[in-house]
Amino acid sequence: MRTSKFSEEQIVTALRHAEAGTAVVDICRTMEITETTFYRWKKKYYGLGVSELRELKQLRDENRKLKGLVADLTLDKQILRETLTTKI
C-alpha cells in the first residue's frame, strides 16, 4: 500500500485552513494534490486534532504489535499440539 508524502499533521493543518475559509482549490494547488484527495482526507480526518492523531497512531502501532504476538503464540500452540499428537 502506498504511503502518503504528507504527514497526518500536515493533512490536519490543510483541513483547518479549509475550515478557516481558504478555498479548497487554493489548498490543493499549494499542496499539489487533487480535490479528490482533499475530500478523502476530509472524510478520514475531519474533526481530529493533532493530539488525537498521535494517540490514534500510537494505538495502531500497539494493535499491530499485539496482532504479531497473537500470531506467534498461535503458531507455537499449533506446533505443540502437533508434537503431542505424534508422540502418542
N, C-alpha and C. Protein backbone atom coordinates (compact mmCIF):
# COMPACT_ATOMS: atom_id res chain seq x y z
N MET A 1 0.83 -1.17 0.00
CA MET A 1 0.00 0.00 0.00
C MET A 1 0.88 1.24 0.00
N ARG A 2 0.55 2.20 -0.83
CA ARG A 2 1.33 3.43 -0.92
C ARG A 2 1.15 4.28 0.33
N THR A 3 2.23 4.91 0.72
CA THR A 3 2.14 5.83 1.84
C THR A 3 2.08 7.26 1.31
N SER A 4 1.48 8.11 2.07
CA SER A 4 1.34 9.50 1.68
C SER A 4 2.64 10.24 1.90
N LYS A 5 2.92 11.20 1.04
CA LYS A 5 4.11 12.01 1.25
C LYS A 5 3.84 13.12 2.26
N PHE A 6 2.62 13.19 2.75
CA PHE A 6 2.23 14.19 3.74
C PHE A 6 2.03 13.51 5.08
N SER A 7 2.48 14.17 6.13
CA SER A 7 2.24 13.63 7.47
C SER A 7 0.79 13.92 7.86
N GLU A 8 0.35 13.22 8.88
CA GLU A 8 -1.03 13.43 9.33
C GLU A 8 -1.21 14.85 9.88
N GLU A 9 -0.15 15.40 10.46
CA GLU A 9 -0.23 16.77 10.96
C GLU A 9 -0.42 17.76 9.81
N GLN A 10 0.27 17.52 8.69
CA GLN A 10 0.11 18.39 7.53
C GLN A 10 -1.31 18.30 6.96
N ILE A 11 -1.85 17.10 6.97
CA ILE A 11 -3.21 16.90 6.47
C ILE A 11 -4.20 17.66 7.33
N VAL A 12 -4.05 17.54 8.65
CA VAL A 12 -4.97 18.23 9.57
C VAL A 12 -4.82 19.74 9.42
N THR A 13 -3.61 20.21 9.21
CA THR A 13 -3.39 21.64 9.01
C THR A 13 -4.12 22.12 7.75
N ALA A 14 -4.04 21.34 6.68
CA ALA A 14 -4.74 21.71 5.45
C ALA A 14 -6.25 21.75 5.67
N LEU A 15 -6.77 20.80 6.42
CA LEU A 15 -8.20 20.79 6.72
C LEU A 15 -8.60 21.99 7.57
N ARG A 16 -7.73 22.38 8.49
CA ARG A 16 -8.02 23.54 9.32
C ARG A 16 -8.05 24.82 8.48
N HIS A 17 -7.14 24.91 7.48
CA HIS A 17 -7.15 26.07 6.59
C HIS A 17 -8.47 26.14 5.83
N ALA A 18 -8.99 24.99 5.42
CA ALA A 18 -10.26 24.96 4.71
C ALA A 18 -11.40 25.41 5.63
N GLU A 19 -11.34 24.99 6.89
CA GLU A 19 -12.35 25.42 7.85
C GLU A 19 -12.30 26.93 8.07
N ALA A 20 -11.09 27.47 8.01
CA ALA A 20 -10.91 28.91 8.26
C ALA A 20 -11.39 29.76 7.09
N GLY A 21 -11.66 29.12 5.94
CA GLY A 21 -12.21 29.88 4.84
C GLY A 21 -11.36 29.90 3.58
N THR A 22 -10.19 29.29 3.62
CA THR A 22 -9.37 29.22 2.42
C THR A 22 -10.05 28.30 1.41
N ALA A 23 -10.03 28.69 0.16
CA ALA A 23 -10.68 27.89 -0.88
C ALA A 23 -9.95 26.55 -1.05
N VAL A 24 -10.74 25.51 -1.24
CA VAL A 24 -10.19 24.16 -1.40
C VAL A 24 -9.26 24.11 -2.61
N VAL A 25 -9.62 24.81 -3.66
CA VAL A 25 -8.80 24.83 -4.87
C VAL A 25 -7.42 25.38 -4.57
N ASP A 26 -7.36 26.43 -3.75
CA ASP A 26 -6.08 27.04 -3.40
C ASP A 26 -5.23 26.09 -2.55
N ILE A 27 -5.86 25.42 -1.62
CA ILE A 27 -5.14 24.46 -0.78
C ILE A 27 -4.59 23.33 -1.64
N CYS A 28 -5.40 22.83 -2.54
CA CYS A 28 -4.97 21.74 -3.42
C CYS A 28 -3.81 22.18 -4.31
N ARG A 29 -3.88 23.40 -4.77
CA ARG A 29 -2.81 23.90 -5.65
C ARG A 29 -1.50 24.03 -4.87
N THR A 30 -1.54 24.55 -3.66
CA THR A 30 -0.31 24.74 -2.89
C THR A 30 0.29 23.41 -2.44
N MET A 31 -0.57 22.44 -2.12
CA MET A 31 -0.07 21.13 -1.68
C MET A 31 0.18 20.17 -2.83
N GLU A 32 -0.22 20.59 -4.03
CA GLU A 32 -0.08 19.77 -5.24
C GLU A 32 -0.79 18.42 -5.10
N ILE A 33 -2.07 18.51 -4.72
CA ILE A 33 -2.93 17.34 -4.61
C ILE A 33 -4.20 17.60 -5.40
N THR A 34 -4.98 16.55 -5.62
CA THR A 34 -6.25 16.72 -6.31
C THR A 34 -7.35 17.00 -5.27
N GLU A 35 -8.45 17.51 -5.76
CA GLU A 35 -9.58 17.75 -4.86
C GLU A 35 -10.12 16.45 -4.30
N THR A 36 -10.03 15.39 -5.09
CA THR A 36 -10.48 14.08 -4.62
C THR A 36 -9.69 13.66 -3.39
N THR A 37 -8.38 13.86 -3.45
CA THR A 37 -7.53 13.53 -2.31
C THR A 37 -7.91 14.36 -1.10
N PHE A 38 -8.14 15.65 -1.33
CA PHE A 38 -8.52 16.53 -0.22
C PHE A 38 -9.80 16.03 0.43
N TYR A 39 -10.81 15.71 -0.34
CA TYR A 39 -12.09 15.28 0.25
C TYR A 39 -11.98 13.89 0.89
N ARG A 40 -11.08 13.07 0.39
CA ARG A 40 -10.83 11.78 1.03
C ARG A 40 -10.19 12.01 2.40
N TRP A 41 -9.25 12.94 2.47
CA TRP A 41 -8.65 13.31 3.75
C TRP A 41 -9.70 13.86 4.69
N LYS A 42 -10.56 14.70 4.15
CA LYS A 42 -11.60 15.31 4.98
C LYS A 42 -12.51 14.24 5.57
N LYS A 43 -12.85 13.26 4.77
CA LYS A 43 -13.71 12.18 5.24
C LYS A 43 -13.03 11.38 6.36
N LYS A 44 -11.72 11.20 6.23
CA LYS A 44 -10.99 10.37 7.18
C LYS A 44 -10.58 11.13 8.44
N TYR A 45 -10.14 12.38 8.30
CA TYR A 45 -9.53 13.09 9.41
C TYR A 45 -10.34 14.26 9.95
N TYR A 46 -11.49 14.55 9.40
CA TYR A 46 -12.24 15.73 9.83
C TYR A 46 -12.61 15.64 11.30
N GLY A 47 -12.34 16.69 12.02
CA GLY A 47 -12.70 16.75 13.43
C GLY A 47 -11.63 16.24 14.37
N LEU A 48 -10.54 15.69 13.84
CA LEU A 48 -9.47 15.19 14.69
C LEU A 48 -8.42 16.28 14.88
N GLY A 49 -7.93 16.38 16.09
CA GLY A 49 -6.84 17.29 16.39
C GLY A 49 -5.51 16.56 16.28
N VAL A 50 -4.44 17.28 16.42
CA VAL A 50 -3.11 16.68 16.30
C VAL A 50 -2.88 15.68 17.43
N SER A 51 -3.31 16.01 18.63
CA SER A 51 -3.11 15.09 19.75
C SER A 51 -3.90 13.80 19.55
N GLU A 52 -5.11 13.92 19.02
CA GLU A 52 -5.91 12.72 18.76
C GLU A 52 -5.29 11.87 17.68
N LEU A 53 -4.66 12.52 16.67
CA LEU A 53 -3.98 11.76 15.62
C LEU A 53 -2.78 11.01 16.17
N ARG A 54 -2.04 11.64 17.06
CA ARG A 54 -0.89 10.96 17.68
C ARG A 54 -1.35 9.76 18.49
N GLU A 55 -2.44 9.94 19.23
CA GLU A 55 -2.98 8.83 20.02
C GLU A 55 -3.46 7.70 19.11
N LEU A 56 -4.12 8.05 18.01
CA LEU A 56 -4.59 7.05 17.06
C LEU A 56 -3.42 6.28 16.46
N LYS A 57 -2.35 6.99 16.11
CA LYS A 57 -1.17 6.34 15.55
C LYS A 57 -0.54 5.40 16.57
N GLN A 58 -0.47 5.84 17.83
CA GLN A 58 0.09 5.01 18.89
C GLN A 58 -0.76 3.75 19.09
N LEU A 59 -2.08 3.90 19.07
CA LEU A 59 -2.96 2.74 19.23
C LEU A 59 -2.83 1.77 18.06
N ARG A 60 -2.67 2.29 16.85
CA ARG A 60 -2.49 1.43 15.69
C ARG A 60 -1.19 0.64 15.79
N ASP A 61 -0.11 1.30 16.24
CA ASP A 61 1.17 0.60 16.40
C ASP A 61 1.06 -0.49 17.46
N GLU A 62 0.41 -0.16 18.57
CA GLU A 62 0.24 -1.15 19.64
C GLU A 62 -0.61 -2.33 19.15
N ASN A 63 -1.65 -2.03 18.39
CA ASN A 63 -2.51 -3.09 17.86
C ASN A 63 -1.74 -4.00 16.91
N ARG A 64 -0.86 -3.41 16.07
CA ARG A 64 -0.05 -4.19 15.14
C ARG A 64 0.88 -5.13 15.91
N LYS A 65 1.50 -4.63 16.98
CA LYS A 65 2.40 -5.45 17.79
C LYS A 65 1.64 -6.59 18.46
N LEU A 66 0.47 -6.29 19.00
CA LEU A 66 -0.33 -7.32 19.66
C LEU A 66 -0.79 -8.40 18.69
N LYS A 67 -1.15 -7.99 17.47
CA LYS A 67 -1.54 -8.98 16.46
C LYS A 67 -0.38 -9.90 16.13
N GLY A 68 0.83 -9.35 16.08
CA GLY A 68 2.01 -10.17 15.84
C GLY A 68 2.25 -11.16 16.96
N LEU A 69 2.06 -10.70 18.20
CA LEU A 69 2.22 -11.61 19.34
C LEU A 69 1.19 -12.73 19.31
N VAL A 70 -0.04 -12.41 18.98
CA VAL A 70 -1.09 -13.43 18.90
C VAL A 70 -0.75 -14.44 17.81
N ALA A 71 -0.25 -13.97 16.69
CA ALA A 71 0.11 -14.88 15.60
C ALA A 71 1.23 -15.81 16.03
N ASP A 72 2.24 -15.27 16.72
CA ASP A 72 3.35 -16.11 17.19
C ASP A 72 2.87 -17.14 18.20
N LEU A 73 2.03 -16.72 19.13
CA LEU A 73 1.53 -17.66 20.14
C LEU A 73 0.63 -18.73 19.52
N THR A 74 -0.14 -18.35 18.54
CA THR A 74 -0.99 -19.33 17.86
C THR A 74 -0.14 -20.36 17.14
N LEU A 75 0.93 -19.92 16.51
CA LEU A 75 1.83 -20.83 15.82
C LEU A 75 2.52 -21.77 16.82
N ASP A 76 2.97 -21.24 17.95
CA ASP A 76 3.58 -22.08 18.99
C ASP A 76 2.58 -23.12 19.50
N LYS A 77 1.37 -22.71 19.72
CA LYS A 77 0.33 -23.63 20.21
C LYS A 77 0.08 -24.74 19.20
N GLN A 78 0.05 -24.40 17.93
CA GLN A 78 -0.18 -25.39 16.88
C GLN A 78 0.98 -26.38 16.81
N ILE A 79 2.20 -25.89 16.93
CA ILE A 79 3.37 -26.77 16.89
C ILE A 79 3.35 -27.71 18.09
N LEU A 80 3.05 -27.22 19.27
CA LEU A 80 2.98 -28.06 20.47
C LEU A 80 1.89 -29.12 20.33
N ARG A 81 0.76 -28.71 19.79
CA ARG A 81 -0.34 -29.65 19.61
C ARG A 81 0.06 -30.77 18.64
N GLU A 82 0.75 -30.42 17.56
CA GLU A 82 1.19 -31.42 16.58
C GLU A 82 2.22 -32.38 17.18
N THR A 83 3.13 -31.85 17.97
CA THR A 83 4.14 -32.73 18.59
C THR A 83 3.51 -33.66 19.61
N LEU A 84 2.50 -33.20 20.32
CA LEU A 84 1.82 -34.08 21.28
C LEU A 84 1.04 -35.19 20.59
N THR A 85 0.43 -34.90 19.48
CA THR A 85 -0.35 -35.92 18.79
C THR A 85 0.55 -36.93 18.09
N THR A 86 1.74 -36.56 17.67
CA THR A 86 2.63 -37.52 17.01
C THR A 86 3.33 -38.41 18.01
N LYS A 87 3.53 -37.97 19.25
CA LYS A 87 4.19 -38.79 20.27
C LYS A 87 3.28 -39.88 20.83
N ILE A 88 1.99 -39.69 20.75
CA ILE A 88 1.05 -40.65 21.34
C ILE A 88 0.81 -41.80 20.45
